[in-house]
Amino acid sequence: MPGIVQFGNRDTEVRACGLCHLPTGTGHDESAYVAGLPVDYFLRQMADYKNGNRKGSGTMIRIAKAITDEEVRSAAEYFASV
């Protein structure tokens, strides 16, 4: 499991993906199911949060603006594999 999923990034104040989406990617009732999503779809959704094309979650918008592209790809590849 990548560090961004397990621990987040304290320096950029990005919480761990696994806190809301769980390490299994199955999420809580209020968070998206991300297990098995195609990497390109995951990357596009995060880019849309970052550039304002996707609305609805202030938390995800804040995270998308702070997370690095490398961290996003790492999380995307991990969740695609579970």
PDB file of N, CA and C in Angstrom:
ATOM      1  N   MET A   1       0.856  -1.175   0.000  1.00  0.00           N
ATOM      2  CA  MET A   1       0.000   0.000   0.000  1.00  0.00           C
ATOM      3  C   MET A   1       0.906   1.244   0.000  1.00  0.00           C
ATOM      4  N   PRO A   2       0.670   2.146  -0.922  1.00  0.00           N
ATOM      5  CA  PRO A   2       1.496   3.357  -0.968  1.00  0.00           C
ATOM      6  C   PRO A   2       1.295   4.232   0.267  1.00  0.00           C
ATOM      7  N   GLY A   3       2.315   4.996   0.581  1.00  0.00           N
ATOM      8  CA  GLY A   3       2.259   5.871   1.744  1.00  0.00           C
ATOM      9  C   GLY A   3       1.103   6.844   1.721  1.00  0.00           C
ATOM     10  N   ILE A   4       0.769   7.383   0.550  1.00  0.00           N
ATOM     11  CA  ILE A   4      -0.328   8.353   0.462  1.00  0.00           C
ATOM     12  C   ILE A   4      -1.661   7.715   0.844  1.00  0.00           C
ATOM     13  N   VAL A   5      -1.822   6.435   0.548  1.00  0.00           N
ATOM     14  CA  VAL A   5      -3.053   5.725   0.909  1.00  0.00           C
ATOM     15  C   VAL A   5      -3.055   5.405   2.397  1.00  0.00           C
ATOM     16  N   GLN A   6      -1.914   4.991   2.906  1.00  0.00           N
ATOM     17  CA  GLN A   6      -1.832   4.560   4.301  1.00  0.00           C
ATOM     18  C   GLN A   6      -1.660   5.711   5.288  1.00  0.00           C
ATOM     19  N   PHE A   7      -0.791   6.669   4.951  1.00  0.00           N
ATOM     20  CA  PHE A   7      -0.442   7.713   5.907  1.00  0.00           C
ATOM     21  C   PHE A   7      -0.832   9.124   5.485  1.00  0.00           C
ATOM     22  N   GLY A   8      -1.025   9.358   4.205  1.00  0.00           N
ATOM     23  CA  GLY A   8      -1.233  10.711   3.717  1.00  0.00           C
ATOM     24  C   GLY A   8       0.093  11.434   3.607  1.00  0.00           C
ATOM     25  N   ASN A   9       0.060  12.756   3.591  1.00  0.00           N
ATOM     26  CA  ASN A   9       1.265  13.569   3.494  1.00  0.00           C
ATOM     27  C   ASN A   9       1.124  14.745   4.461  1.00  0.00           C
ATOM     28  N   ARG A  10       1.829  14.664   5.568  1.00  0.00           N
ATOM     29  CA  ARG A  10       1.730  15.722   6.584  1.00  0.00           C
ATOM     30  C   ARG A  10       2.208  17.067   6.070  1.00  0.00           C
ATOM     31  N   ASP A  11       3.257  17.051   5.247  1.00  0.00           N
ATOM     32  CA  ASP A  11       3.829  18.311   4.758  1.00  0.00           C
ATOM     33  C   ASP A  11       2.828  19.125   3.946  1.00  0.00           C
ATOM     34  N   THR A  12       2.005  18.427   3.157  1.00  0.00           N
ATOM     35  CA  THR A  12       1.019  19.126   2.319  1.00  0.00           C
ATOM     36  C   THR A  12      -0.396  19.046   2.897  1.00  0.00           C
ATOM     37  N   GLU A  13      -0.506  18.464   4.077  1.00  0.00           N
ATOM     38  CA  GLU A  13      -1.785  18.316   4.786  1.00  0.00           C
ATOM     39  C   GLU A  13      -2.818  17.542   3.972  1.00  0.00           C
ATOM     40  N   VAL A  14      -2.348  16.500   3.278  1.00  0.00           N
ATOM     41  CA  VAL A  14      -3.238  15.609   2.543  1.00  0.00           C
ATOM     42  C   VAL A  14      -3.490  14.398   3.421  1.00  0.00           C
ATOM     43  N   ARG A  15      -4.738  14.176   3.775  1.00  0.00           N
ATOM     44  CA  ARG A  15      -5.051  13.023   4.616  1.00  0.00           C
ATOM     45  C   ARG A  15      -4.919  11.733   3.816  1.00  0.00           C
ATOM     46  N   ALA A  16      -4.722  10.646   4.519  1.00  0.00           N
ATOM     47  CA  ALA A  16      -4.571   9.339   3.881  1.00  0.00           C
ATOM     48  C   ALA A  16      -5.843   8.966   3.133  1.00  0.00           C
ATOM     49  N   CYS A  17      -5.690   8.512   1.909  1.00  0.00           N
ATOM     50  CA  CYS A  17      -6.840   8.085   1.099  1.00  0.00           C
ATOM     51  C   CYS A  17      -7.625   6.992   1.826  1.00  0.00           C
ATOM     52  N   GLY A  18      -6.877   6.102   2.504  1.00  0.00           N
ATOM     53  CA  GLY A  18      -7.491   4.973   3.186  1.00  0.00           C
ATOM     54  C   GLY A  18      -8.363   5.350   4.367  1.00  0.00           C
ATOM     55  N   LEU A  19      -8.266   6.580   4.861  1.00  0.00           N
ATOM     56  CA  LEU A  19      -9.131   6.984   5.976  1.00  0.00           C
ATOM     57  C   LEU A  19     -10.595   7.017   5.564  1.00  0.00           C
ATOM     58  N   CYS A  20     -10.866   7.524   4.393  1.00  0.00           N
ATOM     59  CA  CYS A  20     -12.250   7.621   3.913  1.00  0.00           C
ATOM     60  C   CYS A  20     -12.613   6.475   2.974  1.00  0.00           C
ATOM     61  N   HIS A  21     -11.690   6.153   2.069  1.00  0.00           N
ATOM     62  CA  HIS A  21     -11.978   5.139   1.052  1.00  0.00           C
ATOM     63  C   HIS A  21     -11.589   3.738   1.513  1.00  0.00           C
ATOM     64  N   LEU A  22     -10.980   3.651   2.681  1.00  0.00           N
ATOM     65  CA  LEU A  22     -10.503   2.403   3.290  1.00  0.00           C
ATOM     66  C   LEU A  22      -9.390   1.773   2.452  1.00  0.00           C
ATOM     67  N   PRO A  23      -8.509   1.028   3.075  1.00  0.00           N
ATOM     68  CA  PRO A  23      -7.425   0.379   2.328  1.00  0.00           C
ATOM     69  C   PRO A  23      -7.937  -0.585   1.253  1.00  0.00           C
ATOM     70  N   THR A  24      -9.132  -1.059   1.419  1.00  0.00           N
ATOM     71  CA  THR A  24      -9.736  -1.973   0.444  1.00  0.00           C
ATOM     72  C   THR A  24     -10.367  -1.238  -0.725  1.00  0.00           C
ATOM     73  N   GLY A  25     -10.526   0.089  -0.607  1.00  0.00           N
ATOM     74  CA  GLY A  25     -11.163   0.884  -1.657  1.00  0.00           C
ATOM     75  C   GLY A  25     -12.672   0.839  -1.639  1.00  0.00           C
ATOM     76  N   THR A  26     -13.252   0.150  -0.651  1.00  0.00           N
ATOM     77  CA  THR A  26     -14.704   0.014  -0.598  1.00  0.00           C
ATOM     78  C   THR A  26     -15.388   1.191   0.086  1.00  0.00           C
ATOM     79  N   GLY A  27     -14.654   2.031   0.761  1.00  0.00           N
ATOM     80  CA  GLY A  27     -15.168   3.263   1.328  1.00  0.00           C
ATOM     81  C   GLY A  27     -16.220   3.108   2.414  1.00  0.00           C
ATOM     82  N   HIS A  28     -16.537   4.241   3.006  1.00  0.00           N
ATOM     83  CA  HIS A  28     -17.637   4.357   3.960  1.00  0.00           C
ATOM     84  C   HIS A  28     -18.881   4.759   3.162  1.00  0.00           C
ATOM     85  N   ASP A  29     -20.021   4.835   3.824  1.00  0.00           N
ATOM     86  CA  ASP A  29     -21.259   5.212   3.138  1.00  0.00           C
ATOM     87  C   ASP A  29     -21.142   6.566   2.431  1.00  0.00           C
ATOM     88  N   GLU A  30     -20.396   7.491   3.030  1.00  0.00           N
ATOM     89  CA  GLU A  30     -20.306   8.841   2.478  1.00  0.00           C
ATOM     90  C   GLU A  30     -19.129   9.038   1.519  1.00  0.00           C
ATOM     91  N   SER A  31     -18.346   8.000   1.284  1.00  0.00           N
ATOM     92  CA  SER A  31     -17.207   8.131   0.379  1.00  0.00           C
ATOM     93  C   SER A  31     -17.302   7.142  -0.782  1.00  0.00           C
ATOM     94  N   ALA A  32     -16.676   7.507  -1.869  1.00  0.00           N
ATOM     95  CA  ALA A  32     -16.773   6.716  -3.093  1.00  0.00           C
ATOM     96  C   ALA A  32     -16.088   5.362  -2.980  1.00  0.00           C
ATOM     97  N   TYR A  33     -16.642   4.411  -3.705  1.00  0.00           N
ATOM     98  CA  TYR A  33     -16.042   3.089  -3.883  1.00  0.00           C
ATOM     99  C   TYR A  33     -15.012   3.243  -4.992  1.00  0.00           C
ATOM    100  N   VAL A  34     -13.728   3.059  -4.669  1.00  0.00           N
ATOM    101  CA  VAL A  34     -12.676   3.279  -5.660  1.00  0.00           C
ATOM    102  C   VAL A  34     -11.925   2.005  -6.037  1.00  0.00           C
ATOM    103  N   ALA A  35     -12.230   0.903  -5.392  1.00  0.00           N
ATOM    104  CA  ALA A  35     -11.552  -0.356  -5.702  1.00  0.00           C
ATOM    105  C   ALA A  35     -11.829  -0.761  -7.144  1.00  0.00           C
ATOM    106  N   GLY A  36     -10.760  -1.093  -7.853  1.00  0.00           N
ATOM    107  CA  GLY A  36     -10.907  -1.593  -9.215  1.00  0.00           C
ATOM    108  C   GLY A  36     -11.154  -0.550 -10.281  1.00  0.00           C
ATOM    109  N   LEU A  37     -11.177   0.724  -9.913  1.00  0.00           N
ATOM    110  CA  LEU A  37     -11.376   1.758 -10.941  1.00  0.00           C
ATOM    111  C   LEU A  37     -10.169   1.793 -11.874  1.00  0.00           C
ATOM    112  N   PRO A  38     -10.393   1.993 -13.169  1.00  0.00           N
ATOM    113  CA  PRO A  38      -9.269   2.127 -14.096  1.00  0.00           C
ATOM    114  C   PRO A  38      -8.404   3.337 -13.724  1.00  0.00           C
ATOM    115  N   VAL A  39      -7.108   3.183 -13.865  1.00  0.00           N
ATOM    116  CA  VAL A  39      -6.171   4.245 -13.496  1.00  0.00           C
ATOM    117  C   VAL A  39      -6.509   5.553 -14.206  1.00  0.00           C
ATOM    118  N   ASP A  40      -6.745   5.503 -15.516  1.00  0.00           N
ATOM    119  CA  ASP A  40      -7.024   6.734 -16.263  1.00  0.00           C
ATOM    120  C   ASP A  40      -8.285   7.433 -15.773  1.00  0.00           C
ATOM    121  N   TYR A  41      -9.305   6.676 -15.403  1.00  0.00           N
ATOM    122  CA  TYR A  41     -10.535   7.263 -14.880  1.00  0.00           C
ATOM    123  C   TYR A  41     -10.252   7.964 -13.549  1.00  0.00           C
ATOM    124  N   PHE A  42      -9.532   7.290 -12.664  1.00  0.00           N
ATOM    125  CA  PHE A  42      -9.170   7.838 -11.359  1.00  0.00           C
ATOM    126  C   PHE A  42      -8.397   9.147 -11.545  1.00  0.00           C
ATOM    127  N   LEU A  43      -7.392   9.131 -12.427  1.00  0.00           N
ATOM    128  CA  LEU A  43      -6.587  10.329 -12.682  1.00  0.00           C
ATOM    129  C   LEU A  43      -7.438  11.470 -13.211  1.00  0.00           C
ATOM    130  N   ARG A  44      -8.360  11.169 -14.105  1.00  0.00           N
ATOM    131  CA  ARG A  44      -9.237  12.199 -14.684  1.00  0.00           C
ATOM    132  C   ARG A  44     -10.144  12.809 -13.617  1.00  0.00           C
ATOM    133  N   GLN A  45     -10.684  11.980 -12.738  1.00  0.00           N
ATOM    134  CA  GLN A  45     -11.550  12.499 -11.684  1.00  0.00           C
ATOM    135  C   GLN A  45     -10.793  13.424 -10.746  1.00  0.00           C
ATOM    136  N   MET A  46      -9.578  13.039 -10.381  1.00  0.00           N
ATOM    137  CA  MET A  46      -8.772  13.892  -9.505  1.00  0.00           C
ATOM    138  C   MET A  46      -8.401  15.198 -10.205  1.00  0.00           C
ATOM    139  N   ALA A  47      -8.090  15.129 -11.498  1.00  0.00           N
ATOM    140  CA  ALA A  47      -7.787  16.352 -12.258  1.00  0.00           C
ATOM    141  C   ALA A  47      -9.021  17.250 -12.314  1.00  0.00           C
ATOM    142  N   ASP A  48     -10.194  16.648 -12.474  1.00  0.00           N
ATOM    143  CA  ASP A  48     -11.427  17.433 -12.516  1.00  0.00           C
ATOM    144  C   ASP A  48     -11.724  18.098 -11.173  1.00  0.00           C
ATOM    145  N   TYR A  49     -11.434  17.416 -10.073  1.00  0.00           N
ATOM    146  CA  TYR A  49     -11.575  18.070  -8.765  1.00  0.00           C
ATOM    147  C   TYR A  49     -10.609  19.257  -8.682  1.00  0.00           C
ATOM    148  N   LYS A  50      -9.391  19.044  -9.136  1.00  0.00           N
ATOM    149  CA  LYS A  50      -8.358  20.074  -9.024  1.00  0.00           C
ATOM    150  C   LYS A  50      -8.680  21.307  -9.857  1.00  0.00           C
ATOM    151  N   ASN A  51      -9.181  21.105 -11.080  1.00  0.00           N
ATOM    152  CA  ASN A  51      -9.419  22.253 -11.957  1.00  0.00           C
ATOM    153  C   ASN A  51     -10.833  22.818 -11.860  1.00  0.00           C
ATOM    154  N   GLY A  52     -11.663  22.252 -10.983  1.00  0.00           N
ATOM    155  CA  GLY A  52     -12.995  22.796 -10.758  1.00  0.00           C
ATOM    156  C   GLY A  52     -14.094  22.218 -11.628  1.00  0.00           C
ATOM    157  N   ASN A  53     -13.764  21.246 -12.481  1.00  0.00           N
ATOM    158  CA  ASN A  53     -14.792  20.635 -13.326  1.00  0.00           C
ATOM    159  C   ASN A  53     -15.651  19.627 -12.584  1.00  0.00           C
ATOM    160  N   ARG A  54     -15.209  19.178 -11.424  1.00  0.00           N
ATOM    161  CA  ARG A  54     -16.019  18.268 -10.615  1.00  0.00           C
ATOM    162  C   ARG A  54     -16.280  18.953  -9.282  1.00  0.00           C
ATOM    163  N   LYS A  55     -17.521  18.984  -8.887  1.00  0.00           N
ATOM    164  CA  LYS A  55     -17.943  19.663  -7.662  1.00  0.00           C
ATOM    165  C   LYS A  55     -18.495  18.644  -6.665  1.00  0.00           C
ATOM    166  N   GLY A  56     -18.907  19.137  -5.517  1.00  0.00           N
ATOM    167  CA  GLY A  56     -19.661  18.298  -4.603  1.00  0.00           C
ATOM    168  C   GLY A  56     -18.947  17.906  -3.336  1.00  0.00           C
ATOM    169  N   SER A  57     -17.631  17.873  -3.349  1.00  0.00           N
ATOM    170  CA  SER A  57     -16.917  17.474  -2.148  1.00  0.00           C
ATOM    171  C   SER A  57     -15.790  18.453  -1.871  1.00  0.00           C
ATOM    172  N   GLY A  58     -16.020  19.311  -0.900  1.00  0.00           N
ATOM    173  CA  GLY A  58     -14.985  20.270  -0.522  1.00  0.00           C
ATOM    174  C   GLY A  58     -13.714  19.588  -0.077  1.00  0.00           C
ATOM    175  N   THR A  59     -13.852  18.459   0.607  1.00  0.00           N
ATOM    176  CA  THR A  59     -12.681  17.717   1.066  1.00  0.00           C
ATOM    177  C   THR A  59     -11.859  17.234  -0.122  1.00  0.00           C
ATOM    178  N   MET A  60     -12.504  16.641  -1.112  1.00  0.00           N
ATOM    179  CA  MET A  60     -11.779  16.123  -2.268  1.00  0.00           C
ATOM    180  C   MET A  60     -11.180  17.257  -3.103  1.00  0.00           C
ATOM    181  N   ILE A  61     -11.827  18.373  -3.169  1.00  0.00           N
ATOM    182  CA  ILE A  61     -11.284  19.516  -3.900  1.00  0.00           C
ATOM    183  C   ILE A  61     -10.011  19.997  -3.212  1.00  0.00           C
ATOM    184  N   ARG A  62     -10.041  20.132  -1.882  1.00  0.00           N
ATOM    185  CA  ARG A  62      -8.856  20.553  -1.129  1.00  0.00           C
ATOM    186  C   ARG A  62      -7.720  19.556  -1.321  1.00  0.00           C
ATOM    187  N   ILE A  63      -8.027  18.269  -1.242  1.00  0.00           N
ATOM    188  CA  ILE A  63      -7.000  17.236  -1.404  1.00  0.00           C
ATOM    189  C   ILE A  63      -6.428  17.291  -2.818  1.00  0.00           C
ATOM    190  N   ALA A  64      -7.279  17.389  -3.822  1.00  0.00           N
ATOM    191  CA  ALA A  64      -6.820  17.400  -5.210  1.00  0.00           C
ATOM    192  C   ALA A  64      -5.898  18.579  -5.503  1.00  0.00           C
ATOM    193  N   LYS A  65      -6.117  19.691  -4.832  1.00  0.00           N
ATOM    194  CA  LYS A  65      -5.281  20.863  -5.051  1.00  0.00           C
ATOM    195  C   LYS A  65      -3.927  20.739  -4.356  1.00  0.00           C
ATOM    196  N   ALA A  66      -3.828  19.871  -3.342  1.00  0.00           N
ATOM    197  CA  ALA A  66      -2.590  19.745  -2.570  1.00  0.00           C
ATOM    198  C   ALA A  66      -1.774  18.497  -2.899  1.00  0.00           C
ATOM    199  N   ILE A  67      -2.416  17.448  -3.374  1.00  0.00           N
ATOM    200  CA  ILE A  67      -1.736  16.183  -3.631  1.00  0.00           C
ATOM    201  C   ILE A  67      -0.874  16.292  -4.894  1.00  0.00           C
ATOM    202  N   THR A  68       0.256  15.589  -4.899  1.00  0.00           N
ATOM    203  CA  THR A  68       1.122  15.628  -6.081  1.00  0.00           C
ATOM    204  C   THR A  68       0.615  14.657  -7.146  1.00  0.00           C
ATOM    205  N   ASP A  69       1.026  14.888  -8.377  1.00  0.00           N
ATOM    206  CA  ASP A  69       0.651  13.981  -9.469  1.00  0.00           C
ATOM    207  C   ASP A  69       1.175  12.572  -9.200  1.00  0.00           C
ATOM    208  N   GLU A  70       2.367  12.478  -8.647  1.00  0.00           N
ATOM    209  CA  GLU A  70       2.949  11.171  -8.325  1.00  0.00           C
ATOM    210  C   GLU A  70       2.112  10.446  -7.276  1.00  0.00           C
ATOM    211  N   GLU A  71       1.652  11.171  -6.265  1.00  0.00           N
ATOM    212  CA  GLU A  71       0.813  10.558  -5.231  1.00  0.00           C
ATOM    213  C   GLU A  71      -0.518  10.096  -5.807  1.00  0.00           C
ATOM    214  N   VAL A  72      -1.101  10.891  -6.682  1.00  0.00           N
ATOM    215  CA  VAL A  72      -2.372  10.515  -7.311  1.00  0.00           C
ATOM    216  C   VAL A  72      -2.188   9.242  -8.120  1.00  0.00           C
ATOM    217  N   ARG A  73      -1.137   9.193  -8.915  1.00  0.00           N
ATOM    218  CA  ARG A  73      -0.895   8.007  -9.738  1.00  0.00           C
ATOM    219  C   ARG A  73      -0.652   6.785  -8.856  1.00  0.00           C
ATOM    220  N   SER A  74       0.087   6.956  -7.789  1.00  0.00           N
ATOM    221  CA  SER A  74       0.362   5.854  -6.874  1.00  0.00           C
ATOM    222  C   SER A  74      -0.937   5.310  -6.272  1.00  0.00           C
ATOM    223  N   ALA A  75      -1.807   6.210  -5.829  1.00  0.00           N
ATOM    224  CA  ALA A  75      -3.102   5.796  -5.272  1.00  0.00           C
ATOM    225  C   ALA A  75      -3.961   5.145  -6.348  1.00  0.00           C
ATOM    226  N   ALA A  76      -3.966   5.722  -7.539  1.00  0.00           N
ATOM    227  CA  ALA A  76      -4.769   5.180  -8.643  1.00  0.00           C
ATOM    228  C   ALA A  76      -4.338   3.762  -8.989  1.00  0.00           C
ATOM    229  N   GLU A  77      -3.046   3.550  -9.085  1.00  0.00           N
ATOM    230  CA  GLU A  77      -2.538   2.216  -9.426  1.00  0.00           C
ATOM    231  C   GLU A  77      -2.837   1.208  -8.317  1.00  0.00           C
ATOM    232  N   TYR A  78      -2.708   1.666  -7.087  1.00  0.00           N
ATOM    233  CA  TYR A  78      -3.022   0.782  -5.965  1.00  0.00           C
ATOM    234  C   TYR A  78      -4.493   0.383  -5.971  1.00  0.00           C
ATOM    235  N   PHE A  79      -5.388   1.372  -6.019  1.00  0.00           N
ATOM    236  CA  PHE A  79      -6.812   1.061  -5.964  1.00  0.00           C
ATOM    237  C   PHE A  79      -7.272   0.269  -7.177  1.00  0.00           C
ATOM    238  N   ALA A  80      -6.651   0.474  -8.327  1.00  0.00           N
ATOM    239  CA  ALA A  80      -6.989  -0.317  -9.518  1.00  0.00           C
ATOM    240  C   ALA A  80      -6.662  -1.789  -9.305  1.00  0.00           C
ATOM    241  N   SER A  81      -5.678  -2.044  -8.447  1.00  0.00           N
ATOM    242  CA  SER A  81      -5.212  -3.422  -8.251  1.00  0.00           C
ATOM    243  C   SER A  81      -5.969  -4.173  -7.158  1.00  0.00           C
ATOM    244  N   VAL A  82      -6.786  -3.474  -6.384  1.00  0.00           N
ATOM    245  CA  VAL A  82      -7.498  -4.163  -5.284  1.00  0.00           C
ATOM    246  C   VAL A  82      -8.941  -4.468  -5.673  1.00  0.00           C
TER     247      VAL A  82
END
